[in-house]
Structures are given as C-alpha cells and as structure tokens.
Amino acid sequence: MQTDPTLAGEPNEPRAAPRKASARFMLTHPLHILSLGFGSGLSPFAPGTVGTLFAWASFVVFNRHLTVAEWGALIVVGFIAGCWFTGFTAKKMGIADPSPVVWDEIVAFWLVLLLVTPATFTGQLWAFIVFRFFDMVKPPPIRYFDRRLKGGFGIMFDDLVAAFFTLLVIALWRMTV
C-alpha cells in the first residue's frame, strides 16, 4: 500500500491520514462496495487473492446465466467504470493503490476465465495460480505499468496486463499439449 499525498486534497489543504478499509468505510458509499469487491478486499490476509477467489466464485455462478457477449460487455463496462470508482475509493482512502481495492482483480480474472472456458476445475485452478503469480510478482512490463500509471486507470490496467500474460502462458501451454 502506497500513501500518496496528492490524493489527500488540493495543494493548500492539509493532508489527511490514510484511511483503513473496514466494513464501516465500505458502507459509506456504494462505489466503495464495488471497489472492495463486495467485502472480499477486507480480508486481513491476502485481499487480492481473496478478491480473485470471489471473482472465480461469481464467474461460476453467473456463467450459467450470461452469454459470451454479455460477459464481454460486463467486463468492458466493469473496466471502464472501475477506472472511475477504484480511483474514487483510493482517493477517499488517501492511498494510491490500496490493497483492499480488488475490483481490478475481479474484472481481470473474469476476462481470464471467460477466455479459457470451457476449462475443467483443474484448468481454472491453474489459471488462478498463474494470474495470482503475475499480479503479485509484477514482472516487467507489469511492474512498469504499476509504477507509472496513476489513479483508477493505473489500478485497473496492471491487472489487465497480468490477465494478458496469464492467457499467454495458458495458450503456450495448450500449444505444447
């Protein structure tokens, strides 16, 4: 978690201390509920992993009811809107890229699952492991985007790149099998 004093207010305003994510904070605004992954980002241990698990579970539930086109629309709208509301939550928290903000993991992992489906449970598990590796380790160029891009777009974009690399690894693995 990086504190970013530019998120606290205008240059002549006093800087606010970073706010801790909590259920109380999450319920202060509907956009915080989305940003914090319906509470999955409030996990005290590995909130990004818990958010990704939430993405997986919600994909399994909603996949029975949504077409590929509807998933595509949800992912595109989720990414674009996520650029706005994750930035909003980060600003309210006073932190550039707060770890409890997990909407970025949710949308990116939905994309991975959509593009690897149909996959067995084991295939989805490997997609989860590979995605978490890229999201946590942030090898280049993911690290480059994570450090250079700011605001909600930066929060969302590095996970989209992690999803791309996850899909690339899966495609290369499928070519060898």
C-alpha atoms as a PDB file:
ATOM      1  CA  MET A   1       0.000   0.000   0.000  1.00  0.00           C
ATOM      2  CA  GLN A   2       1.453   3.313  -1.032  1.00  0.00           C
ATOM      3  CA  THR A   3       0.384   6.547   0.603  1.00  0.00           C
ATOM      4  CA  ASP A   4       0.037   9.255  -1.987  1.00  0.00           C
ATOM      5  CA  PRO A   5      -0.217  12.754  -0.530  1.00  0.00           C
ATOM      6  CA  THR A   6      -1.557  14.064  -3.836  1.00  0.00           C
ATOM      7  CA  LEU A   7      -4.687  12.022  -3.243  1.00  0.00           C
ATOM      8  CA  ALA A   8      -5.472  13.759   0.045  1.00  0.00           C
ATOM      9  CA  GLY A   9      -6.709  17.046  -1.407  1.00  0.00           C
ATOM     10  CA  GLU A  10      -5.727  20.299  -3.012  1.00  0.00           C
ATOM     11  CA  PRO A  11      -2.147  21.612  -2.616  1.00  0.00           C
ATOM     12  CA  ASN A  12      -3.120  24.171   0.049  1.00  0.00           C
ATOM     13  CA  GLU A  13      -5.262  21.749   2.051  1.00  0.00           C
ATOM     14  CA  PRO A  14      -3.853  19.801   4.970  1.00  0.00           C
ATOM     15  CA  ARG A  15      -3.031  16.206   4.110  1.00  0.00           C
ATOM     16  CA  ALA A  16      -5.396  13.637   5.559  1.00  0.00           C
ATOM     17  CA  ALA A  17      -4.050  10.499   7.161  1.00  0.00           C
ATOM     18  CA  PRO A  18      -4.682   7.362   5.102  1.00  0.00           C
ATOM     19  CA  ARG A  19      -7.966   5.646   5.964  1.00  0.00           C
ATOM     20  CA  LYS A  20      -8.075   1.974   6.777  1.00  0.00           C
ATOM     21  CA  ALA A  21     -10.566  -0.113   4.855  1.00  0.00           C
ATOM     22  CA  SER A  22     -13.269  -1.533   7.072  1.00  0.00           C
ATOM     23  CA  ALA A  23     -16.855  -2.662   6.733  1.00  0.00           C
ATOM     24  CA  ARG A  24     -17.887   0.730   8.100  1.00  0.00           C
ATOM     25  CA  PHE A  25     -15.814   2.551   5.460  1.00  0.00           C
ATOM     26  CA  MET A  26     -17.094   0.242   2.702  1.00  0.00           C
ATOM     27  CA  LEU A  27     -20.707   1.021   3.591  1.00  0.00           C
ATOM     28  CA  THR A  28     -20.204   4.810   3.457  1.00  0.00           C
ATOM     29  CA  HIS A  29     -20.609   4.814  -0.332  1.00  0.00           C
ATOM     30  CA  PRO A  30     -21.952   2.286  -2.872  1.00  0.00           C
ATOM     31  CA  LEU A  31     -18.817   2.673  -5.017  1.00  0.00           C
ATOM     32  CA  HIS A  32     -16.662   1.503  -2.113  1.00  0.00           C
ATOM     33  CA  ILE A  33     -18.711  -1.716  -2.030  1.00  0.00           C
ATOM     34  CA  LEU A  34     -17.766  -2.381  -5.658  1.00  0.00           C
ATOM     35  CA  SER A  35     -14.142  -1.266  -5.244  1.00  0.00           C
ATOM     36  CA  LEU A  36     -13.677  -3.506  -2.217  1.00  0.00           C
ATOM     37  CA  GLY A  37     -15.149  -6.481  -4.057  1.00  0.00           C
ATOM     38  CA  PHE A  38     -18.343  -6.721  -2.003  1.00  0.00           C
ATOM     39  CA  GLY A  39     -16.190  -7.094   1.108  1.00  0.00           C
ATOM     40  CA  SER A  40     -13.706  -9.625  -0.265  1.00  0.00           C
ATOM     41  CA  GLY A  41     -10.996  -6.950  -0.215  1.00  0.00           C
ATOM     42  CA  LEU A  42     -11.461  -6.539   3.543  1.00  0.00           C
ATOM     43  CA  SER A  43      -9.678  -9.824   4.179  1.00  0.00           C
ATOM     44  CA  PRO A  44      -6.827  -9.218   6.645  1.00  0.00           C
ATOM     45  CA  PHE A  45      -4.758 -11.797   4.780  1.00  0.00           C
ATOM     46  CA  ALA A  46      -4.049 -11.546   1.022  1.00  0.00           C
ATOM     47  CA  PRO A  47      -7.021  -9.386  -0.036  1.00  0.00           C
ATOM     48  CA  GLY A  48      -6.028  -9.630  -3.717  1.00  0.00           C
ATOM     49  CA  THR A  49      -6.127 -13.406  -3.554  1.00  0.00           C
ATOM     50  CA  VAL A  50      -9.477 -13.354  -1.745  1.00  0.00           C
ATOM     51  CA  GLY A  51     -10.802 -10.885  -4.340  1.00  0.00           C
ATOM     52  CA  THR A  52      -9.653 -13.214  -7.116  1.00  0.00           C
ATOM     53  CA  LEU A  53     -11.366 -16.138  -5.385  1.00  0.00           C
ATOM     54  CA  PHE A  54     -14.527 -14.008  -5.253  1.00  0.00           C
ATOM     55  CA  ALA A  55     -14.145 -13.378  -8.996  1.00  0.00           C
ATOM     56  CA  TRP A  56     -13.845 -17.110  -9.612  1.00  0.00           C
ATOM     57  CA  ALA A  57     -16.897 -17.976  -7.486  1.00  0.00           C
ATOM     58  CA  SER A  58     -19.020 -15.217  -9.038  1.00  0.00           C
ATOM     59  CA  PHE A  59     -17.946 -16.309 -12.528  1.00  0.00           C
ATOM     60  CA  VAL A  60     -19.081 -19.868 -11.815  1.00  0.00           C
ATOM     61  CA  VAL A  61     -22.453 -18.613 -10.533  1.00  0.00           C
ATOM     62  CA  PHE A  62     -23.116 -16.045 -13.292  1.00  0.00           C
ATOM     63  CA  ASN A  63     -21.687 -18.076 -16.178  1.00  0.00           C
ATOM     64  CA  ARG A  64     -24.867 -20.159 -16.267  1.00  0.00           C
ATOM     65  CA  HIS A  65     -26.912 -17.033 -16.950  1.00  0.00           C
ATOM     66  CA  LEU A  66     -24.686 -14.857 -19.164  1.00  0.00           C
ATOM     67  CA  THR A  67     -23.723 -15.299 -22.791  1.00  0.00           C
ATOM     68  CA  VAL A  68     -20.189 -14.657 -24.008  1.00  0.00           C
ATOM     69  CA  ALA A  69     -21.345 -11.293 -25.425  1.00  0.00           C
ATOM     70  CA  GLU A  70     -22.938 -10.347 -22.091  1.00  0.00           C
ATOM     71  CA  TRP A  71     -19.747 -11.316 -20.249  1.00  0.00           C
ATOM     72  CA  GLY A  72     -17.755  -9.230 -22.715  1.00  0.00           C
ATOM     73  CA  ALA A  73     -20.000  -6.230 -22.117  1.00  0.00           C
ATOM     74  CA  LEU A  74     -19.814  -6.716 -18.341  1.00  0.00           C
ATOM     75  CA  ILE A  75     -16.018  -6.886 -18.449  1.00  0.00           C
ATOM     76  CA  VAL A  76     -15.675  -3.803 -20.676  1.00  0.00           C
ATOM     77  CA  VAL A  77     -18.145  -1.778 -18.594  1.00  0.00           C
ATOM     78  CA  GLY A  78     -16.552  -3.136 -15.396  1.00  0.00           C
ATOM     79  CA  PHE A  79     -13.116  -1.995 -16.564  1.00  0.00           C
ATOM     80  CA  ILE A  80     -14.210   1.472 -17.697  1.00  0.00           C
ATOM     81  CA  ALA A  81     -16.396   2.126 -14.639  1.00  0.00           C
ATOM     82  CA  GLY A  82     -13.714   0.562 -12.436  1.00  0.00           C
ATOM     83  CA  CYS A  83     -11.205   3.167 -13.601  1.00  0.00           C
ATOM     84  CA  TRP A  84     -13.507   5.765 -12.100  1.00  0.00           C
ATOM     85  CA  PHE A  85     -14.709   4.143  -8.885  1.00  0.00           C
ATOM     86  CA  THR A  86     -11.453   2.458  -7.826  1.00  0.00           C
ATOM     87  CA  GLY A  87      -9.784   5.849  -8.204  1.00  0.00           C
ATOM     88  CA  PHE A  88     -12.595   7.389  -6.146  1.00  0.00           C
ATOM     89  CA  THR A  89     -12.112   4.856  -3.334  1.00  0.00           C
ATOM     90  CA  ALA A  90      -8.319   5.192  -3.447  1.00  0.00           C
ATOM     91  CA  LYS A  91      -8.656   8.967  -3.151  1.00  0.00           C
ATOM     92  CA  LYS A  92     -11.034   8.639  -0.187  1.00  0.00           C
ATOM     93  CA  MET A  93      -8.574   6.247   1.461  1.00  0.00           C
ATOM     94  CA  GLY A  94      -5.604   8.550   0.740  1.00  0.00           C
ATOM     95  CA  ILE A  95      -3.640   5.680  -0.809  1.00  0.00           C
ATOM     96  CA  ALA A  96      -2.569   5.455  -4.464  1.00  0.00           C
ATOM     97  CA  ASP A  97      -3.327   1.736  -4.923  1.00  0.00           C
ATOM     98  CA  PRO A  98      -4.879   0.307  -1.760  1.00  0.00           C
ATOM     99  CA  SER A  99      -4.630  -3.466  -1.418  1.00  0.00           C
ATOM    100  CA  PRO A 100      -8.284  -3.761  -0.262  1.00  0.00           C
ATOM    101  CA  VAL A 101      -9.391  -2.393  -3.650  1.00  0.00           C
ATOM    102  CA  VAL A 102      -9.877  -5.661  -5.529  1.00  0.00           C
ATOM    103  CA  TRP A 103     -12.289  -4.731  -8.328  1.00  0.00           C
ATOM    104  CA  ASP A 104      -9.250  -4.765 -10.640  1.00  0.00           C
ATOM    105  CA  GLU A 105      -8.541  -8.421  -9.801  1.00  0.00           C
ATOM    106  CA  ILE A 106     -12.212  -9.303 -10.229  1.00  0.00           C
ATOM    107  CA  VAL A 107     -12.581  -7.843 -13.722  1.00  0.00           C
ATOM    108  CA  ALA A 108      -9.199  -9.125 -14.915  1.00  0.00           C
ATOM    109  CA  PHE A 109      -9.829 -12.656 -13.658  1.00  0.00           C
ATOM    110  CA  TRP A 110     -13.320 -12.692 -15.187  1.00  0.00           C
ATOM    111  CA  LEU A 111     -11.583 -11.977 -18.502  1.00  0.00           C
ATOM    112  CA  VAL A 112      -9.157 -14.849 -17.951  1.00  0.00           C
ATOM    113  CA  LEU A 113     -11.935 -17.276 -17.069  1.00  0.00           C
ATOM    114  CA  LEU A 114     -14.090 -16.158 -19.988  1.00  0.00           C
ATOM    115  CA  LEU A 115     -11.276 -16.794 -22.452  1.00  0.00           C
ATOM    116  CA  VAL A 116     -10.209 -20.166 -21.008  1.00  0.00           C
ATOM    117  CA  THR A 117     -13.762 -21.536 -20.723  1.00  0.00           C
ATOM    118  CA  PRO A 118     -14.610 -24.322 -21.129  1.00  0.00           C
ATOM    119  CA  ALA A 119     -11.993 -25.478 -18.677  1.00  0.00           C
ATOM    120  CA  THR A 120     -12.037 -28.121 -16.012  1.00  0.00           C
ATOM    121  CA  PHE A 121     -11.737 -27.202 -12.356  1.00  0.00           C
ATOM    122  CA  THR A 122      -8.032 -28.045 -12.616  1.00  0.00           C
ATOM    123  CA  GLY A 123      -7.658 -25.763 -15.646  1.00  0.00           C
ATOM    124  CA  GLN A 124      -9.379 -22.936 -13.791  1.00  0.00           C
ATOM    125  CA  LEU A 125      -7.194 -23.568 -10.742  1.00  0.00           C
ATOM    126  CA  TRP A 126      -4.057 -23.255 -12.874  1.00  0.00           C
ATOM    127  CA  ALA A 127      -5.434 -20.051 -14.396  1.00  0.00           C
ATOM    128  CA  PHE A 128      -5.960 -18.750 -10.849  1.00  0.00           C
ATOM    129  CA  ILE A 129      -2.405 -19.682  -9.795  1.00  0.00           C
ATOM    130  CA  VAL A 130      -0.793 -18.162 -12.886  1.00  0.00           C
ATOM    131  CA  PHE A 131      -2.881 -14.967 -12.618  1.00  0.00           C
ATOM    132  CA  ARG A 132      -2.023 -14.555  -8.917  1.00  0.00           C
ATOM    133  CA  PHE A 133       1.661 -15.069  -9.748  1.00  0.00           C
ATOM    134  CA  PHE A 134       1.646 -12.277 -12.333  1.00  0.00           C
ATOM    135  CA  ASP A 135      -0.463  -9.989 -10.153  1.00  0.00           C
ATOM    136  CA  MET A 136       1.686 -10.444  -7.023  1.00  0.00           C
ATOM    137  CA  VAL A 137       5.183 -10.623  -8.521  1.00  0.00           C
ATOM    138  CA  LYS A 138       4.502  -7.996 -11.198  1.00  0.00           C
ATOM    139  CA  PRO A 139       7.347  -8.943 -13.536  1.00  0.00           C
ATOM    140  CA  PRO A 140       8.190  -6.461 -16.297  1.00  0.00           C
ATOM    141  CA  PRO A 141       6.289  -4.943 -18.051  1.00  0.00           C
ATOM    142  CA  ILE A 142       3.518  -5.274 -15.422  1.00  0.00           C
ATOM    143  CA  ARG A 143       5.724  -3.531 -12.834  1.00  0.00           C
ATOM    144  CA  TYR A 144       6.361  -0.700 -15.290  1.00  0.00           C
ATOM    145  CA  PHE A 145       2.639  -0.008 -15.684  1.00  0.00           C
ATOM    146  CA  ASP A 146       2.013  -0.440 -11.947  1.00  0.00           C
ATOM    147  CA  ARG A 147       4.592   2.249 -11.145  1.00  0.00           C
ATOM    148  CA  ARG A 148       3.911   4.680 -13.998  1.00  0.00           C
ATOM    149  CA  LEU A 149       0.138   4.747 -14.369  1.00  0.00           C
ATOM    150  CA  LYS A 150      -1.763   6.535 -11.631  1.00  0.00           C
ATOM    151  CA  GLY A 151      -5.339   6.839 -10.457  1.00  0.00           C
ATOM    152  CA  GLY A 152      -8.101   4.396 -11.218  1.00  0.00           C
ATOM    153  CA  PHE A 153      -6.757   3.637 -14.696  1.00  0.00           C
ATOM    154  CA  GLY A 154      -3.424   2.603 -13.187  1.00  0.00           C
ATOM    155  CA  ILE A 155      -5.173   0.469 -10.576  1.00  0.00           C
ATOM    156  CA  MET A 156      -7.127  -1.352 -13.293  1.00  0.00           C
ATOM    157  CA  PHE A 157      -4.571  -1.538 -16.115  1.00  0.00           C
ATOM    158  CA  ASP A 158      -1.749  -3.505 -14.466  1.00  0.00           C
ATOM    159  CA  ASP A 159      -4.217  -6.308 -13.664  1.00  0.00           C
ATOM    160  CA  LEU A 160      -5.370  -6.310 -17.270  1.00  0.00           C
ATOM    161  CA  VAL A 161      -1.721  -6.821 -18.296  1.00  0.00           C
ATOM    162  CA  ALA A 162      -1.434  -9.631 -15.708  1.00  0.00           C
ATOM    163  CA  ALA A 163      -4.526 -11.211 -17.304  1.00  0.00           C
ATOM    164  CA  PHE A 164      -2.900 -10.922 -20.756  1.00  0.00           C
ATOM    165  CA  PHE A 165       0.250 -12.691 -19.553  1.00  0.00           C
ATOM    166  CA  THR A 166      -1.845 -15.367 -17.832  1.00  0.00           C
ATOM    167  CA  LEU A 167      -3.688 -16.002 -21.089  1.00  0.00           C
ATOM    168  CA  LEU A 168      -0.388 -16.062 -22.992  1.00  0.00           C
ATOM    169  CA  VAL A 169       1.030 -18.723 -20.652  1.00  0.00           C
ATOM    170  CA  ILE A 170      -2.153 -20.791 -20.950  1.00  0.00           C
ATOM    171  CA  ALA A 171      -2.118 -20.500 -24.750  1.00  0.00           C
ATOM    172  CA  LEU A 172       1.542 -21.547 -24.912  1.00  0.00           C
ATOM    173  CA  TRP A 173       0.871 -24.473 -22.563  1.00  0.00           C
ATOM    174  CA  ARG A 174      -2.124 -25.595 -24.678  1.00  0.00           C
ATOM    175  CA  MET A 175       0.048 -25.489 -27.824  1.00  0.00           C
ATOM    176  CA  THR A 176       2.510 -27.942 -26.289  1.00  0.00           C
ATOM    177  CA  VAL A 177      -0.117 -30.411 -25.096  1.00  0.00           C
END
